[in-house]
């Protein structure tokens, strides 16, 4: 009877140890993604501010037409960073198309400075999203493997959506 209790206690200890080690591994990925998410959030906010500024340049060059109207009120919308990133990418594509269509924009120094700032932020976003996606993919693979799938269910961890990046669009 004592041997049975010792074996049961040993098995229970091993299960608890595996649980906490697995939980710790999942938390490491979560913490990395949370840190990068802060950087992404700041960059998206900066990108939106620049797009708002670029909108005034576009209005001047295109007879006050509001091409970016749908992208200016993203602050008020309750959307996550992935959706916000997609919306701001759409706005960037519109801006690039307008720059090609209106020579007045291409000659505007203020517009060109804002476009350079936008490119700098895009580079920062690409790097941050790459780091985020790498950790999200590792997290998602881990959650789908035994025993982490059980630990994930107990601790309510879910798979994570990754950002669109040039590498995963191909």
Protein backbone atom coordinates (compact mmCIF):
# COMPACT_ATOMS: atom_id res chain seq x y z
CA UNK A 1 0.00 0.00 0.00
CA UNK A 2 2.82 2.41 0.88
CA UNK A 3 4.60 1.54 -2.36
CA UNK A 4 1.40 2.32 -4.29
CA UNK A 5 1.11 5.72 -2.58
CA UNK A 6 4.77 6.52 -3.26
CA UNK A 7 4.37 5.60 -6.93
CA UNK A 8 1.15 7.62 -7.17
CA UNK A 9 2.83 10.60 -5.51
CA UNK A 10 5.80 10.28 -7.87
CA UNK A 11 3.53 10.14 -10.95
CA UNK A 12 1.52 13.09 -9.69
CA UNK A 13 4.74 15.06 -9.09
CA UNK A 14 5.98 14.31 -12.61
CA UNK A 15 2.64 15.38 -14.12
CA UNK A 16 2.68 18.64 -12.15
CA UNK A 17 6.30 19.27 -13.13
CA UNK A 18 5.51 18.67 -16.82
CA UNK A 19 2.48 20.95 -16.55
CA UNK A 20 4.44 23.87 -15.08
CA UNK A 21 7.37 23.43 -17.45
CA UNK A 22 4.97 23.41 -20.41
CA UNK A 23 3.08 26.39 -19.06
CA UNK A 24 6.36 28.27 -18.65
CA UNK A 25 7.32 27.51 -22.26
CA UNK A 26 3.97 28.80 -23.53
CA UNK A 27 4.32 31.95 -21.39
CA UNK A 28 7.74 32.68 -22.89
CA UNK A 29 6.23 32.90 -26.38
CA UNK A 30 3.33 34.97 -25.06
CA UNK A 31 5.69 37.45 -23.39
CA UNK A 32 7.80 37.82 -26.52
CA UNK A 33 4.70 38.43 -28.63
CA UNK A 34 3.31 40.92 -26.10
CA UNK A 35 6.55 42.93 -26.17
CA UNK A 36 6.60 43.02 -29.96
CA UNK A 37 2.87 43.81 -30.05
CA UNK A 38 3.59 47.04 -28.13
CA UNK A 39 6.14 48.04 -30.78
CA UNK A 40 3.68 47.14 -33.56
CA UNK A 41 0.90 49.11 -31.89
CA UNK A 42 3.10 52.22 -31.59
CA UNK A 43 4.26 51.90 -35.20
CA UNK A 44 0.69 51.49 -36.46
CA UNK A 45 -0.38 54.57 -34.50
CA UNK A 46 2.53 56.54 -35.99
CA UNK A 47 1.69 55.24 -39.46
CA UNK A 48 -1.91 56.32 -39.07
CA UNK A 49 -0.83 59.81 -37.96
CA UNK A 50 1.41 60.15 -41.00
CA UNK A 51 -1.38 58.96 -43.30
CA UNK A 52 -3.67 61.59 -41.77
CA UNK A 53 -0.99 64.18 -42.52
CA UNK A 54 -0.51 62.88 -46.05
CA UNK A 55 -4.26 63.17 -46.58
CA UNK A 56 -4.00 66.97 -46.32
CA UNK A 57 -1.28 66.97 -48.99
CA UNK A 58 -3.44 64.80 -51.22
CA UNK A 59 -6.45 67.09 -50.77
CA UNK A 60 -4.36 70.10 -51.85
CA UNK A 61 -3.02 68.32 -54.92
CA UNK A 62 -6.29 66.69 -56.02
CA UNK A 63 -8.84 69.48 -55.70
CA UNK A 64 -9.93 68.60 -52.15
CA UNK A 65 -11.04 65.08 -53.04
CA UNK A 66 -10.94 62.81 -49.97
CA UNK A 67 -9.42 59.53 -51.19
CA UNK A 68 -8.46 58.33 -47.71
CA UNK A 69 -11.73 59.08 -45.94
CA UNK A 70 -12.29 55.43 -44.97
CA UNK A 71 -8.87 55.16 -43.33
CA UNK A 72 -8.79 58.29 -41.20
CA UNK A 73 -11.14 57.20 -38.42
CA UNK A 74 -9.45 53.91 -37.48
CA UNK A 75 -8.84 55.25 -33.95
CA UNK A 76 -12.55 55.25 -33.27
CA UNK A 77 -13.09 51.78 -34.69
CA UNK A 78 -12.75 48.83 -32.38
CA UNK A 79 -10.35 46.74 -34.46
CA UNK A 80 -7.27 44.73 -33.56
CA UNK A 81 -3.75 45.48 -34.78
CA UNK A 82 -3.90 42.88 -37.55
CA UNK A 83 -7.02 44.47 -39.06
CA UNK A 84 -5.57 47.95 -38.53
CA UNK A 85 -2.38 46.91 -40.29
CA UNK A 86 -4.36 45.62 -43.29
CA UNK A 87 -6.38 48.86 -43.49
CA UNK A 88 -3.27 51.04 -43.28
CA UNK A 89 -1.58 48.93 -45.98
CA UNK A 90 -4.59 49.59 -48.23
CA UNK A 91 -4.24 53.31 -47.53
CA UNK A 92 -0.51 53.17 -48.37
CA UNK A 93 -1.29 51.52 -51.71
CA UNK A 94 -3.83 54.25 -52.49
CA UNK A 95 -1.27 56.91 -51.60
CA UNK A 96 1.34 55.32 -53.89
CA UNK A 97 -1.17 55.16 -56.73
CA UNK A 98 -2.11 58.81 -56.20
CA UNK A 99 1.55 59.84 -56.19
CA UNK A 100 1.91 58.23 -59.61
CA UNK A 101 -1.28 59.87 -60.91
CA UNK A 102 -0.64 63.41 -59.64
CA UNK A 103 2.72 64.95 -60.49
CA UNK A 104 1.92 67.78 -58.09
CA UNK A 105 2.20 65.31 -55.20
CA UNK A 106 5.53 63.91 -56.35
CA UNK A 107 6.98 67.44 -56.34
CA UNK A 108 5.64 68.35 -52.89
CA UNK A 109 8.57 68.36 -50.40
CA UNK A 110 6.32 67.99 -47.35
CA UNK A 111 4.58 65.03 -48.96
CA UNK A 112 7.92 63.41 -49.82
CA UNK A 113 9.17 63.82 -46.22
CA UNK A 114 6.01 62.17 -44.93
CA UNK A 115 6.41 59.36 -47.47
CA UNK A 116 9.99 58.80 -46.26
CA UNK A 117 8.70 58.63 -42.66
CA UNK A 118 6.06 56.17 -43.81
CA UNK A 119 8.73 53.97 -45.42
CA UNK A 120 10.79 54.05 -42.20
CA UNK A 121 7.78 52.99 -40.15
CA UNK A 122 6.99 50.25 -42.67
CA UNK A 123 10.51 48.86 -42.28
CA UNK A 124 10.09 48.86 -38.51
CA UNK A 125 6.72 47.14 -38.88
CA UNK A 126 8.10 44.47 -41.20
CA UNK A 127 10.81 43.60 -38.68
CA UNK A 128 8.44 43.60 -35.71
CA UNK A 129 5.82 41.53 -37.54
CA UNK A 130 8.49 39.03 -38.54
CA UNK A 131 9.54 38.55 -34.91
CA UNK A 132 5.91 38.36 -33.82
CA UNK A 133 5.05 35.81 -36.51
CA UNK A 134 8.06 33.62 -35.72
CA UNK A 135 6.98 33.40 -32.09
CA UNK A 136 3.31 32.96 -32.98
CA UNK A 137 4.15 30.08 -35.33
CA UNK A 138 6.28 28.39 -32.66
CA UNK A 139 3.50 28.97 -30.12
CA UNK A 140 0.88 27.53 -32.46
CA UNK A 141 3.01 24.46 -33.24
CA UNK A 142 3.61 23.92 -29.54
CA UNK A 143 -0.08 24.19 -28.67
CA UNK A 144 -0.87 21.50 -31.23
CA UNK A 145 1.63 18.96 -29.87
CA UNK A 146 1.32 16.62 -26.91
CA UNK A 147 1.43 17.39 -23.93
CA UNK A 148 1.24 21.13 -24.65
CA UNK A 149 -2.16 20.76 -26.27
CA UNK A 150 -3.54 19.55 -22.92
CA UNK A 151 -1.66 22.23 -20.98
CA UNK A 152 -2.91 24.85 -23.43
CA UNK A 153 -6.51 23.76 -22.98
CA UNK A 154 -6.22 23.81 -19.20
CA UNK A 155 -4.53 27.24 -19.19
CA UNK A 156 -6.87 28.50 -21.97
CA UNK A 157 -4.12 29.19 -24.51
CA UNK A 158 -5.27 29.44 -28.10
CA UNK A 159 -3.54 29.54 -31.45
CA UNK A 160 -2.60 33.02 -32.56
CA UNK A 161 -3.28 34.75 -35.86
CA UNK A 162 -0.17 35.92 -37.65
CA UNK A 163 0.35 39.17 -39.55
CA UNK A 164 0.48 39.40 -43.32
CA UNK A 165 4.07 39.93 -44.37
CA UNK A 166 5.78 39.79 -47.77
CA UNK A 167 7.20 36.34 -46.89
CA UNK A 168 3.85 34.69 -46.11
CA UNK A 169 1.94 36.35 -48.96
CA UNK A 170 3.86 34.36 -51.60
